[in-house]
Amino acid sequence: MTLPKLQWYWWVVGIILLSSGTYGTVKLVQYLTETEEKRINAMNARAGEALRKLISTLQAEGIRTFVGNTVRTKEDSDRFVAEGKASANLKHDWHTIGRAVDLYIFDPVAKKVDFTGQMIDQIRRMHVVAKQQGWTSIAFNPDGTKHYLKGAKGPVWDAGHLQWTDGMTFDAAVAQAENYDYDLSWVPNKA
């Protein structure tokens, strides 16, 4: 007896689920691109570990992400400010010491990364989960409204920015980062 094509498909799915021990549930795994892996690996080790945990938690909730900028130089930060992509009042950039990420939501319908902050519900959820895991967020005000930064070319909503302070001030984090291979020559009184 030959089973119709569709029945074979369901037999295969059933065998896979039974053999993996996940009968009744399917665990989706988000695979990071090589570039995303490099970005995470360039971060402070604890921040990178925390970012992997955050991505995994969000994935379990059905929110797929994309890892944007992590570590950047002072020159990169200055360029972002000049281009109006960062706060014109930027005093401390946690990216320069490997403790920040620009994490974006992947839009499964459009099949592309949401760099413009259109997926507000998922972005808001990302920041709630991030705060629960110890990240600092600047995207939303305490009342849940968007927090706009003063940019060189007008208001900036930095929807994806998260900082892993680990309970430290910026100066304490810089002191710790001096043990890593980051260019900290630009940091005032730290050259």
N, C-alpha and C. Protein backbone atom coordinates (compact mmCIF):
# COMPACT_ATOMS: atom_id res chain seq x y z
N MET A 1 0.85 -1.18 0.00
CA MET A 1 0.00 0.00 0.00
C MET A 1 0.90 1.24 0.00
N THR A 2 0.59 2.17 -0.86
CA THR A 2 1.36 3.40 -0.96
C THR A 2 0.55 4.54 -0.34
N LEU A 3 1.20 5.28 0.55
CA LEU A 3 0.53 6.42 1.18
C LEU A 3 0.59 7.62 0.25
N PRO A 4 -0.45 8.45 0.23
CA PRO A 4 -0.40 9.68 -0.55
C PRO A 4 0.73 10.57 -0.06
N LYS A 5 1.19 11.46 -0.93
CA LYS A 5 2.33 12.33 -0.63
C LYS A 5 2.14 13.09 0.68
N LEU A 6 1.00 13.66 0.95
CA LEU A 6 0.75 14.44 2.15
C LEU A 6 0.88 13.58 3.40
N GLN A 7 0.41 12.33 3.35
CA GLN A 7 0.53 11.45 4.51
C GLN A 7 1.99 11.14 4.81
N TRP A 8 2.81 10.96 3.80
CA TRP A 8 4.24 10.74 4.02
C TRP A 8 4.86 11.92 4.75
N TYR A 9 4.47 13.11 4.37
CA TYR A 9 4.99 14.32 5.01
C TYR A 9 4.72 14.29 6.51
N TRP A 10 3.48 13.97 6.90
CA TRP A 10 3.13 13.96 8.31
C TRP A 10 3.81 12.83 9.06
N TRP A 11 4.05 11.70 8.42
CA TRP A 11 4.81 10.62 9.05
C TRP A 11 6.23 11.09 9.35
N VAL A 12 6.84 11.77 8.41
CA VAL A 12 8.21 12.25 8.60
C VAL A 12 8.25 13.28 9.73
N VAL A 13 7.30 14.21 9.74
CA VAL A 13 7.24 15.21 10.81
C VAL A 13 7.07 14.52 12.16
N GLY A 14 6.19 13.53 12.23
CA GLY A 14 5.96 12.81 13.48
C GLY A 14 7.20 12.08 13.96
N ILE A 15 7.92 11.44 13.04
CA ILE A 15 9.14 10.72 13.40
C ILE A 15 10.19 11.69 13.92
N ILE A 16 10.32 12.81 13.27
CA ILE A 16 11.29 13.82 13.72
C ILE A 16 10.94 14.30 15.13
N LEU A 17 9.67 14.60 15.37
CA LEU A 17 9.26 15.08 16.68
C LEU A 17 9.46 14.02 17.75
N LEU A 18 9.11 12.78 17.45
CA LEU A 18 9.27 11.71 18.43
C LEU A 18 10.74 11.43 18.71
N SER A 19 11.55 11.41 17.67
CA SER A 19 12.97 11.09 17.87
C SER A 19 13.72 12.21 18.59
N SER A 20 13.24 13.42 18.47
CA SER A 20 13.92 14.53 19.14
C SER A 20 13.43 14.73 20.57
N GLY A 21 12.40 13.98 20.96
CA GLY A 21 11.89 14.09 22.32
C GLY A 21 11.05 15.33 22.55
N THR A 22 10.61 15.95 21.48
CA THR A 22 9.83 17.18 21.63
C THR A 22 8.42 16.99 21.08
N TYR A 23 7.85 15.82 21.29
CA TYR A 23 6.52 15.56 20.79
C TYR A 23 5.55 16.63 21.28
N GLY A 24 4.83 17.20 20.38
CA GLY A 24 3.82 18.19 20.72
C GLY A 24 4.35 19.61 20.74
N THR A 25 5.66 19.80 20.69
CA THR A 25 6.21 21.14 20.66
C THR A 25 7.30 21.21 19.61
N VAL A 26 7.44 22.36 19.04
CA VAL A 26 8.50 22.60 18.08
C VAL A 26 9.28 23.80 18.57
N LYS A 27 10.55 23.64 18.81
CA LYS A 27 11.38 24.73 19.28
C LYS A 27 12.08 25.37 18.08
N LEU A 28 11.81 26.62 17.87
CA LEU A 28 12.46 27.34 16.79
C LEU A 28 13.78 27.88 17.29
N VAL A 29 14.79 27.82 16.47
CA VAL A 29 16.10 28.30 16.84
C VAL A 29 16.50 29.41 15.87
N GLN A 30 16.92 30.52 16.43
CA GLN A 30 17.38 31.61 15.59
C GLN A 30 18.87 31.42 15.36
N TYR A 31 19.24 31.33 14.11
CA TYR A 31 20.64 31.21 13.76
C TYR A 31 21.18 32.60 13.47
N LEU A 32 22.32 32.91 14.06
CA LEU A 32 22.94 34.21 13.85
C LEU A 32 23.81 34.15 12.61
N THR A 33 23.87 35.25 11.88
CA THR A 33 24.76 35.31 10.73
C THR A 33 26.20 35.39 11.22
N GLU A 34 27.14 35.17 10.33
CA GLU A 34 28.55 35.27 10.69
C GLU A 34 28.88 36.68 11.19
N THR A 35 28.29 37.68 10.56
CA THR A 35 28.51 39.07 10.97
C THR A 35 27.96 39.30 12.38
N GLU A 36 26.77 38.79 12.66
CA GLU A 36 26.20 38.94 14.00
C GLU A 36 27.08 38.25 15.05
N GLU A 37 27.57 37.07 14.73
CA GLU A 37 28.46 36.35 15.65
C GLU A 37 29.71 37.18 15.93
N LYS A 38 30.30 37.76 14.89
CA LYS A 38 31.49 38.59 15.07
C LYS A 38 31.18 39.80 15.94
N ARG A 39 30.03 40.40 15.72
CA ARG A 39 29.65 41.58 16.52
C ARG A 39 29.49 41.22 18.00
N ILE A 40 28.85 40.10 18.27
CA ILE A 40 28.66 39.68 19.66
C ILE A 40 30.01 39.30 20.28
N ASN A 41 30.83 38.59 19.53
CA ASN A 41 32.13 38.16 20.05
C ASN A 41 33.07 39.34 20.32
N ALA A 42 32.84 40.47 19.67
CA ALA A 42 33.68 41.65 19.88
C ALA A 42 33.33 42.38 21.18
N MET A 43 32.17 42.07 21.74
CA MET A 43 31.70 42.76 22.94
C MET A 43 32.45 42.30 24.19
N ASN A 44 32.28 43.05 25.26
CA ASN A 44 32.68 42.60 26.58
C ASN A 44 32.06 41.22 26.78
N ALA A 45 32.81 40.28 27.34
CA ALA A 45 32.35 38.89 27.44
C ALA A 45 31.01 38.77 28.16
N ARG A 46 30.84 39.46 29.28
CA ARG A 46 29.58 39.38 30.03
C ARG A 46 28.42 40.00 29.24
N ALA A 47 28.71 41.08 28.53
CA ALA A 47 27.67 41.72 27.71
C ALA A 47 27.27 40.80 26.56
N GLY A 48 28.25 40.15 25.95
CA GLY A 48 27.95 39.22 24.86
C GLY A 48 27.12 38.04 25.33
N GLU A 49 27.46 37.52 26.50
CA GLU A 49 26.70 36.42 27.09
C GLU A 49 25.26 36.86 27.39
N ALA A 50 25.12 38.05 27.93
CA ALA A 50 23.78 38.59 28.24
C ALA A 50 22.98 38.80 26.96
N LEU A 51 23.65 39.23 25.89
CA LEU A 51 22.96 39.45 24.62
C LEU A 51 22.47 38.13 24.04
N ARG A 52 23.28 37.10 24.11
CA ARG A 52 22.85 35.78 23.62
C ARG A 52 21.61 35.29 24.39
N LYS A 53 21.61 35.51 25.71
CA LYS A 53 20.46 35.12 26.52
C LYS A 53 19.21 35.91 26.11
N LEU A 54 19.37 37.21 25.89
CA LEU A 54 18.25 38.05 25.48
C LEU A 54 17.68 37.59 24.13
N ILE A 55 18.56 37.34 23.18
CA ILE A 55 18.11 36.89 21.85
C ILE A 55 17.35 35.58 21.97
N SER A 56 17.86 34.66 22.78
CA SER A 56 17.21 33.37 22.98
C SER A 56 15.83 33.53 23.62
N THR A 57 15.73 34.38 24.62
CA THR A 57 14.45 34.62 25.29
C THR A 57 13.43 35.21 24.32
N LEU A 58 13.87 36.20 23.54
CA LEU A 58 12.97 36.82 22.57
C LEU A 58 12.54 35.82 21.52
N GLN A 59 13.47 35.00 21.06
CA GLN A 59 13.13 33.97 20.07
C GLN A 59 12.07 33.03 20.62
N ALA A 60 12.19 32.66 21.88
CA ALA A 60 11.21 31.76 22.51
C ALA A 60 9.82 32.40 22.54
N GLU A 61 9.78 33.74 22.52
CA GLU A 61 8.51 34.46 22.48
C GLU A 61 8.06 34.75 21.05
N GLY A 62 8.82 34.26 20.08
CA GLY A 62 8.46 34.45 18.68
C GLY A 62 8.96 35.75 18.08
N ILE A 63 9.90 36.40 18.74
CA ILE A 63 10.46 37.66 18.25
C ILE A 63 11.87 37.40 17.73
N ARG A 64 12.04 37.52 16.44
CA ARG A 64 13.35 37.31 15.82
C ARG A 64 14.07 38.66 15.74
N THR A 65 15.35 38.65 16.02
CA THR A 65 16.11 39.89 16.08
C THR A 65 17.28 39.89 15.10
N PHE A 66 17.90 41.06 14.96
CA PHE A 66 19.10 41.23 14.16
C PHE A 66 20.08 42.08 14.97
N VAL A 67 21.31 41.58 15.12
CA VAL A 67 22.33 42.29 15.88
C VAL A 67 23.01 43.32 14.98
N GLY A 68 22.79 44.60 15.31
CA GLY A 68 23.44 45.68 14.57
C GLY A 68 24.77 46.03 15.22
N ASN A 69 25.03 47.30 15.37
CA ASN A 69 26.29 47.75 15.96
C ASN A 69 26.45 47.24 17.38
N THR A 70 27.67 46.83 17.70
CA THR A 70 28.03 46.52 19.08
C THR A 70 29.20 47.43 19.45
N VAL A 71 30.41 47.00 19.18
CA VAL A 71 31.59 47.80 19.49
C VAL A 71 31.84 48.79 18.36
N ARG A 72 32.10 50.04 18.74
CA ARG A 72 32.45 51.05 17.73
C ARG A 72 33.54 51.96 18.28
N THR A 73 34.20 52.63 17.39
CA THR A 73 35.28 53.55 17.78
C THR A 73 34.70 54.91 18.11
N LYS A 74 35.52 55.75 18.70
CA LYS A 74 35.13 57.14 18.98
C LYS A 74 34.79 57.85 17.68
N GLU A 75 35.55 57.56 16.63
CA GLU A 75 35.30 58.18 15.33
C GLU A 75 33.93 57.76 14.79
N ASP A 76 33.59 56.49 14.95
CA ASP A 76 32.27 56.02 14.53
C ASP A 76 31.17 56.74 15.30
N SER A 77 31.37 56.89 16.61
CA SER A 77 30.38 57.58 17.44
C SER A 77 30.22 59.02 16.99
N ASP A 78 31.32 59.69 16.75
CA ASP A 78 31.27 61.09 16.28
C ASP A 78 30.53 61.19 14.95
N ARG A 79 30.79 60.23 14.06
CA ARG A 79 30.11 60.22 12.76
C ARG A 79 28.60 60.03 12.93
N PHE A 80 28.19 59.11 13.82
CA PHE A 80 26.77 58.87 14.06
C PHE A 80 26.10 60.13 14.60
N VAL A 81 26.79 60.85 15.48
CA VAL A 81 26.25 62.10 16.01
C VAL A 81 26.09 63.11 14.88
N ALA A 82 27.12 63.27 14.06
CA ALA A 82 27.08 64.24 12.95
C ALA A 82 26.00 63.90 11.93
N GLU A 83 25.77 62.62 11.71
CA GLU A 83 24.74 62.18 10.75
C GLU A 83 23.34 62.25 11.35
N GLY A 84 23.23 62.61 12.61
CA GLY A 84 21.92 62.71 13.25
C GLY A 84 21.35 61.37 13.68
N LYS A 85 22.20 60.34 13.80
CA LYS A 85 21.74 59.00 14.18
C LYS A 85 21.92 58.72 15.67
N ALA A 86 22.56 59.64 16.38
CA ALA A 86 22.79 59.49 17.82
C ALA A 86 22.57 60.84 18.48
N SER A 87 22.49 60.83 19.79
CA SER A 87 22.25 62.05 20.54
C SER A 87 23.37 63.07 20.32
N ALA A 88 22.97 64.31 20.06
CA ALA A 88 23.95 65.39 19.91
C ALA A 88 24.61 65.70 21.25
N ASN A 89 23.99 65.26 22.34
CA ASN A 89 24.51 65.48 23.68
C ASN A 89 25.27 64.26 24.22
N LEU A 90 25.66 63.37 23.34
CA LEU A 90 26.31 62.14 23.75
C LEU A 90 27.61 62.41 24.51
N LYS A 91 27.63 62.00 25.77
CA LYS A 91 28.83 62.17 26.60
C LYS A 91 29.57 60.85 26.75
N HIS A 92 28.82 59.78 26.93
CA HIS A 92 29.40 58.46 27.13
C HIS A 92 28.74 57.49 26.16
N ASP A 93 29.54 56.83 25.37
CA ASP A 93 29.00 55.85 24.42
C ASP A 93 29.44 54.46 24.87
N TRP A 94 28.50 53.68 25.39
CA TRP A 94 28.78 52.35 25.89
C TRP A 94 29.24 51.42 24.78
N HIS A 95 28.96 51.78 23.52
CA HIS A 95 29.45 50.97 22.40
C HIS A 95 30.98 50.95 22.37
N THR A 96 31.60 52.06 22.74
CA THR A 96 33.05 52.17 22.64
C THR A 96 33.79 51.30 23.64
N ILE A 97 33.07 50.79 24.63
CA ILE A 97 33.70 49.89 25.60
C ILE A 97 33.07 48.49 25.54
N GLY A 98 32.38 48.21 24.43
CA GLY A 98 31.86 46.87 24.19
C GLY A 98 30.69 46.46 25.04
N ARG A 99 29.89 47.43 25.50
CA ARG A 99 28.78 47.12 26.40
C ARG A 99 27.44 47.63 25.88
N ALA A 100 27.32 47.80 24.57
CA ALA A 100 26.04 48.25 24.01
C ALA A 100 25.78 47.53 22.70
N VAL A 101 24.51 47.48 22.35
CA VAL A 101 24.10 46.85 21.09
C VAL A 101 22.95 47.64 20.51
N ASP A 102 22.89 47.67 19.20
CA ASP A 102 21.71 48.15 18.49
C ASP A 102 21.03 46.88 17.98
N LEU A 103 19.97 46.48 18.68
CA LEU A 103 19.27 45.24 18.38
C LEU A 103 17.96 45.57 17.70
N TYR A 104 17.76 45.02 16.52
CA TYR A 104 16.59 45.33 15.71
C TYR A 104 15.68 44.11 15.59
N ILE A 105 14.43 44.37 15.31
CA ILE A 105 13.43 43.33 15.12
C ILE A 105 13.41 42.93 13.64
N PHE A 106 13.31 41.63 13.39
CA PHE A 106 13.17 41.12 12.03
C PHE A 106 11.69 40.99 11.74
N ASP A 107 11.24 41.62 10.66
CA ASP A 107 9.83 41.57 10.26
C ASP A 107 9.62 40.33 9.39
N PRO A 108 8.91 39.31 9.91
CA PRO A 108 8.74 38.07 9.15
C PRO A 108 7.84 38.23 7.94
N VAL A 109 6.95 39.21 7.96
CA VAL A 109 6.05 39.43 6.83
C VAL A 109 6.81 40.10 5.68
N ALA A 110 7.51 41.17 5.99
CA ALA A 110 8.28 41.88 4.96
C ALA A 110 9.59 41.15 4.64
N LYS A 111 9.96 40.20 5.50
CA LYS A 111 11.21 39.43 5.35
C LYS A 111 12.43 40.33 5.32
N LYS A 112 12.43 41.31 6.24
CA LYS A 112 13.59 42.20 6.34
C LYS A 112 13.65 42.78 7.75
N VAL A 113 14.79 43.33 8.07
CA VAL A 113 15.00 43.93 9.38
C VAL A 113 14.28 45.27 9.44
N ASP A 114 13.62 45.52 10.56
CA ASP A 114 12.90 46.78 10.77
C ASP A 114 13.86 47.82 11.37
N PHE A 115 14.55 48.54 10.51
CA PHE A 115 15.48 49.57 10.96
C PHE A 115 14.77 50.88 11.30
N THR A 116 13.51 51.02 10.92
CA THR A 116 12.78 52.28 11.12
C THR A 116 11.85 52.28 12.32
N GLY A 117 11.78 51.18 13.05
CA GLY A 117 10.97 51.14 14.27
C GLY A 117 9.48 51.05 14.03
N GLN A 118 9.06 50.35 12.97
CA GLN A 118 7.64 50.23 12.67
C GLN A 118 6.94 49.16 13.53
N MET A 119 7.69 48.17 13.98
CA MET A 119 7.10 47.06 14.73
C MET A 119 7.12 47.41 16.23
N ILE A 120 6.39 48.43 16.58
CA ILE A 120 6.44 49.03 17.91
C ILE A 120 6.11 48.04 19.03
N ASP A 121 5.13 47.16 18.84
CA ASP A 121 4.77 46.22 19.91
C ASP A 121 5.92 45.26 20.21
N GLN A 122 6.59 44.76 19.17
CA GLN A 122 7.71 43.86 19.36
C GLN A 122 8.91 44.60 19.95
N ILE A 123 9.12 45.83 19.51
CA ILE A 123 10.22 46.64 20.05
C ILE A 123 9.98 46.91 21.54
N ARG A 124 8.77 47.27 21.88
CA ARG A 124 8.43 47.53 23.28
C ARG A 124 8.65 46.25 24.11
N ARG A 125 8.21 45.12 23.59
CA ARG A 125 8.39 43.85 24.31
C ARG A 125 9.88 43.54 24.47
N MET A 126 10.67 43.79 23.42
CA MET A 126 12.11 43.56 23.49
C MET A 126 12.73 44.34 24.64
N HIS A 127 12.32 45.61 24.79
CA HIS A 127 12.88 46.45 25.84
C HIS A 127 12.40 46.02 27.24
N VAL A 128 11.18 45.54 27.34
CA VAL A 128 10.68 45.04 28.63
C VAL A 128 11.50 43.82 29.06
N VAL A 129 11.67 42.88 28.14
CA VAL A 129 12.44 41.67 28.44
C VAL A 129 13.89 42.04 28.75
N ALA A 130 14.45 42.96 27.96
CA ALA A 130 15.84 43.38 28.17
C ALA A 130 16.03 43.96 29.57
N LYS A 131 15.12 44.82 29.98
CA LYS A 131 15.22 45.41 31.33
C LYS A 131 15.10 44.33 32.40
N GLN A 132 14.22 43.36 32.20
CA GLN A 132 14.08 42.26 33.16
C GLN A 132 15.38 41.48 33.30
N GLN A 133 16.18 41.46 32.24
CA GLN A 133 17.44 40.71 32.26
C GLN A 133 18.64 41.58 32.62
N GLY A 134 18.40 42.85 32.97
CA GLY A 134 19.49 43.69 33.44
C GLY A 134 20.03 44.72 32.46
N TRP A 135 19.45 44.80 31.29
CA TRP A 135 19.89 45.78 30.30
C TRP A 135 19.30 47.15 30.64
N THR A 136 19.97 48.21 30.19
CA THR A 136 19.47 49.57 30.31
C THR A 136 18.96 49.99 28.93
N SER A 137 17.78 50.58 28.92
CA SER A 137 17.14 50.96 27.66
C SER A 137 16.89 52.46 27.65
N ILE A 138 17.06 53.06 26.49
CA ILE A 138 16.76 54.49 26.36
C ILE A 138 15.63 54.75 25.36
N ALA A 139 15.00 53.70 24.87
CA ALA A 139 13.99 53.87 23.81
C ALA A 139 12.65 54.38 24.30
N PHE A 140 12.32 54.09 25.56
CA PHE A 140 11.00 54.46 26.06
C PHE A 140 11.09 55.23 27.38
N ASN A 141 10.17 56.14 27.55
CA ASN A 141 10.02 56.87 28.80
C ASN A 141 9.33 55.94 29.81
N PRO A 142 9.37 56.28 31.09
CA PRO A 142 8.71 55.44 32.10
C PRO A 142 7.22 55.20 31.83
N ASP A 143 6.56 56.16 31.16
CA ASP A 143 5.13 55.98 30.87
C ASP A 143 4.88 55.16 29.61
N GLY A 144 5.95 54.66 28.97
CA GLY A 144 5.80 53.81 27.78
C GLY A 144 5.85 54.54 26.46
N THR A 145 5.87 55.86 26.49
CA THR A 145 5.98 56.61 25.24
C THR A 145 7.42 56.58 24.74
N LYS A 146 7.58 56.86 23.45
CA LYS A 146 8.91 56.87 22.86
C LYS A 146 9.75 57.98 23.48
N HIS A 147 11.01 57.67 23.75
CA HIS A 147 11.96 58.66 24.27
C HIS A 147 12.83 59.13 23.10
N TYR A 148 12.68 60.40 22.77
CA TYR A 148 13.46 60.97 21.67
C TYR A 148 14.70 61.67 22.20
N LEU A 149 15.81 61.44 21.50
CA LEU A 149 17.07 62.11 21.83
C LEU A 149 17.19 63.35 20.94
N LYS A 150 17.95 64.32 21.41
CA LYS A 150 18.20 65.51 20.60
C LYS A 150 19.32 65.16 19.62
N GLY A 151 18.97 65.03 18.36
CA GLY A 151 19.95 64.71 17.33
C GLY A 151 20.42 65.96 16.61
N ALA A 152 21.55 65.86 15.93
CA ALA A 152 22.11 66.99 15.18
C ALA A 152 21.18 67.44 14.07
N LYS A 153 20.32 66.55 13.60
CA LYS A 153 19.39 66.88 12.51
C LYS A 153 17.94 66.73 12.94
N GLY A 154 17.69 66.84 14.23
CA GLY A 154 16.33 66.72 14.75
C GLY A 154 16.21 65.55 15.71
N PRO A 155 14.99 65.31 16.21
CA PRO A 155 14.79 64.25 17.20
C PRO A 155 15.18 62.87 16.65
N VAL A 156 15.75 62.04 17.52
CA VAL A 156 16.17 60.69 17.16
C VAL A 156 15.53 59.71 18.13
N TRP A 157 14.86 58.69 17.59
CA TRP A 157 14.36 57.61 18.43
C TRP A 157 15.28 56.42 18.21
N ASP A 158 16.08 56.10 19.19
CA ASP A 158 17.06 55.01 19.10
C ASP A 158 16.39 53.73 19.59
N ALA A 159 15.53 53.18 18.75
CA ALA A 159 14.66 52.07 19.13
C ALA A 159 15.39 50.79 19.52
N GLY A 160 16.56 50.56 18.94
CA GLY A 160 17.24 49.30 19.18
C GLY A 160 18.35 49.35 20.21
N HIS A 161 18.66 50.53 20.73
CA HIS A 161 19.82 50.67 21.60
C HIS A 161 19.59 50.08 22.99
N LEU A 162 20.53 49.23 23.41
CA LEU A 162 20.53 48.65 24.75
C LEU A 162 21.95 48.70 25.30
N GLN A 163 22.08 48.93 26.61
CA GLN A 163 23.38 49.00 27.27
C GLN A 163 23.46 47.96 28.37
N TRP A 164 24.59 47.27 28.46
CA TRP A 164 24.83 46.32 29.52
C TRP A 164 25.79 46.98 30.51
N THR A 165 25.24 47.66 31.52
CA THR A 165 26.07 48.39 32.48
C THR A 165 26.61 47.47 33.58
N ASP A 166 25.95 46.36 33.81
CA ASP A 166 26.36 45.43 34.86
C ASP A 166 26.41 46.13 36.21
N GLY A 167 25.55 47.17 36.36
CA GLY A 167 25.49 47.90 37.62
C GLY A 167 26.60 48.92 37.81
N MET A 168 27.39 49.14 36.78
CA MET A 168 28.53 50.06 36.88
C MET A 168 28.23 51.42 36.28
N THR A 169 28.95 52.41 36.78
CA THR A 169 28.95 53.71 36.12
C THR A 169 29.80 53.57 34.86
N PHE A 170 29.72 54.56 33.99
CA PHE A 170 30.53 54.51 32.77
C PHE A 170 32.02 54.50 33.12
N ASP A 171 32.43 55.34 34.07
CA ASP A 171 33.85 55.39 34.44
C ASP A 171 34.35 54.05 34.99
N ALA A 172 33.53 53.39 35.80
CA ALA A 172 33.92 52.07 36.33
C ALA A 172 34.01 51.05 35.19
N ALA A 173 33.09 51.14 34.25
CA ALA A 173 33.12 50.22 33.10
C ALA A 173 34.35 50.49 32.23
N VAL A 174 34.72 51.77 32.08
CA VAL A 174 35.92 52.13 31.32
C VAL A 174 37.15 51.55 32.02
N ALA A 175 37.21 51.68 33.33
CA ALA A 175 38.35 51.15 34.08
C ALA A 175 38.47 49.64 33.87
N GLN A 176 37.34 48.96 33.89
CA GLN A 176 37.36 47.52 33.65
C GLN A 176 37.76 47.22 32.21
N ALA A 177 37.27 48.03 31.27
CA ALA A 177 37.56 47.82 29.84
C ALA A 177 39.03 48.06 29.51
N GLU A 178 39.73 48.80 30.35
CA GLU A 178 41.15 49.05 30.09
C GLU A 178 41.95 47.76 30.11
N ASN A 179 41.37 46.71 30.67
CA ASN A 179 42.02 45.40 30.66
C ASN A 179 41.76 44.64 29.36
N TYR A 180 40.90 45.20 28.51
CA TYR A 180 40.59 44.58 27.23
C TYR A 180 41.32 45.34 26.13
N ASP A 181 41.19 44.85 24.92
CA ASP A 181 41.90 45.46 23.79
C ASP A 181 40.99 46.46 23.07
N TYR A 182 40.51 47.47 23.79
CA TYR A 182 39.70 48.52 23.19
C TYR A 182 40.54 49.79 23.11
N ASP A 183 40.27 50.59 22.10
CA ASP A 183 40.95 51.88 22.00
C ASP A 183 40.21 52.87 22.89
N LEU A 184 40.79 53.15 24.06
CA LEU A 184 40.15 54.05 25.00
C LEU A 184 40.89 55.38 25.10
N SER A 185 41.75 55.66 24.14
CA SER A 185 42.55 56.87 24.20
C SER A 185 41.71 58.13 24.16
N TRP A 186 40.53 58.06 23.62
CA TRP A 186 39.66 59.23 23.49
C TRP A 186 38.95 59.58 24.81
N VAL A 187 38.85 58.62 25.75
CA VAL A 187 38.09 58.84 26.98
C VAL A 187 38.81 59.88 27.83
N PRO A 188 38.11 60.96 28.23
CA PRO A 188 38.75 62.02 29.03
C PRO A 188 39.40 61.45 30.28
N ASN A 189 40.61 61.91 30.58
CA ASN A 189 41.38 61.52 31.77
C ASN A 189 41.72 60.04 31.80
N LYS A 190 41.59 59.34 30.69
CA LYS A 190 41.90 57.91 30.68
C LYS A 190 43.01 57.61 29.68
N ALA A 191 43.57 58.63 29.02
CA ALA A 191 44.59 58.40 27.99
C ALA A 191 45.92 58.04 28.61
